[in-house]
Amino acid sequence: MNASQIRAVLEQYGITPSKALGQNFLTDENIAHAIVELLAPAPEDCIVEVGPGAGSLTEIVAPLCRKLILVEFDKRLADYQRTRWANDPHVEVHQADAATWDPRRLFAEQPVKFLGNLPYSSGGAILANFLHGESPCSRAVIMLQKELVDRILAQPGNSAYGLLSLRMQMNWEGKLMRLVPPTAFRPQPKIDSAVLLLIPRDHRRMPVYDRRLMDELMRRCFACRRKQMHKHLPPAPPWAEVSARLGISPTARAEELNLQQWIDLTREYDPNPLADLPQREDELFDVADEQDNVLKQASRREVHERGLIHRAVHILVFNKHGDCLLQKRSLLKDRHPGVWDSSAAGHLDAGEDYERAARRELAEELGISEGIPLRAVAKLPPSPATGMEHVQLYTSQFDGKVRFPAAEVSAVIPFPPSVIDAWLQRRPQDFANSFAACWKLARQTAGLHP
């Protein structure tokens, strides 16, 4: 859309650009086409565009994707977009604040790409909502004020380097693609903008670490960024030993450590005894028959290699909102790495009963050591779908904080049951096989409530 077309839309809907909302409409068609080209839209993609405004990017990207979700804060512009796409079912329009709009439903829409000409006032908050932590997005192209892009890409030694830099760089590799002058917008802003390309960081090339713990340590240390960071770290292990092992100056400040050093530091201060242990290779399981009678004991390796019938538990933990906590399995797991699974799950050790195993798994995988109620929902017979396991399924409720071992679990997110239903139907490959069977049974017999 050129300047005259955008002006016509604004006049038709009686819209005066709002300075408070940071509304500067892109009118340079060449730049708009270049931004969409960077996103590399494909016919199978779901694209989320934040702040579509009068449609400079929207008109270009809409014909190129399977689904387009528009999130617009300004009710007037959202009304325009609803009218514009009223006869096109592949475009959804949401009048909402993108800093708080719930992105969890996007996991069921993957592959997802993120596009946005973000307002200067809330760009950081929008990025935090969509791209911090475990994100469903596989690529992002964003236009922001150049100062914010500089902060995202900053490295140690640069005054712009800080929490935002590390929080984005934990999960994304960014590249400044082009500068956009004020003359490309109406009304013209007083500062330059920049186009940022983000692609997911390959965590297979990185050691596992507790991202929540790292964020906690960073917040402590960057709160007083000019002070020596050891004053804000846990007392154990001793800082002198940690700094010596990592080759960090004992007087280092938070702003002096790069991403890899922060990861190494987090691993040093991770108190979880299973932080580096994706599974115990010396585990001994009970081997059972089809009626769940114990026949003998065998090692984990033998049980899995020979496909012997054994025992397991799955626990679906719900919060007070009715959301179910799903865990994403670590890439280090020997079975089903990097996919989503029940809140907690695991094999019974030799001689262990089902409830004791369930409580042990809750403690090991979610840090839930208190005696929360467990409801035995159903039992699944051994089959290829369950990995030849007798599976006892439990549900429970918990509203506290969870703490998980990074070697076993890479993320835990509460999802509404409706999202899980849609996600399983559209992308069953994103889940462990046994979870799909457990979820279906829970849906039938327990109504998905604890």
Foldseek 3Di string as FASTA:
>chain_A
DAPVLLVVLCVVLVHDDDVVQQDWAFHDLVVLVVLLVLQVAAALEEEEEEACASNSNPVVCVVHYQAYEYEYQDPSRLVVVCVVCVPPVRYHGHHDDLLPPQCLLCLLSPPYEYEYAHRAVCVLSNCCRAPFDDHSYAKYKYKYFVLVVCLLCDAQPDPSDALNVLRRVVWWDKDWDDKAAQVSIVVGDPGIMTIMIIGTDDCVVDDFFAVVLLSVLRVQQRVCQVFQSLVRDDPPPPLVVLCVVLVHDNRDGSSRDGNNSSRSVRVRRDPQPCQPPQDDQAFKFFFADQVRDGDGIDTPVVCLVVLTATAKEAEWEAEPVLFTKKFQWDQLHPPNHGAIAHNWMDGDGPPGDHVVRVLVRCCAAWVPNDDFDKDFFDWDTADVLQSNYTYTYIYTYDDDHTDGRRSTTVDMDTGHPVSVVSSCVNCVVRYRSNRVVNSVSCVVGPVSGD
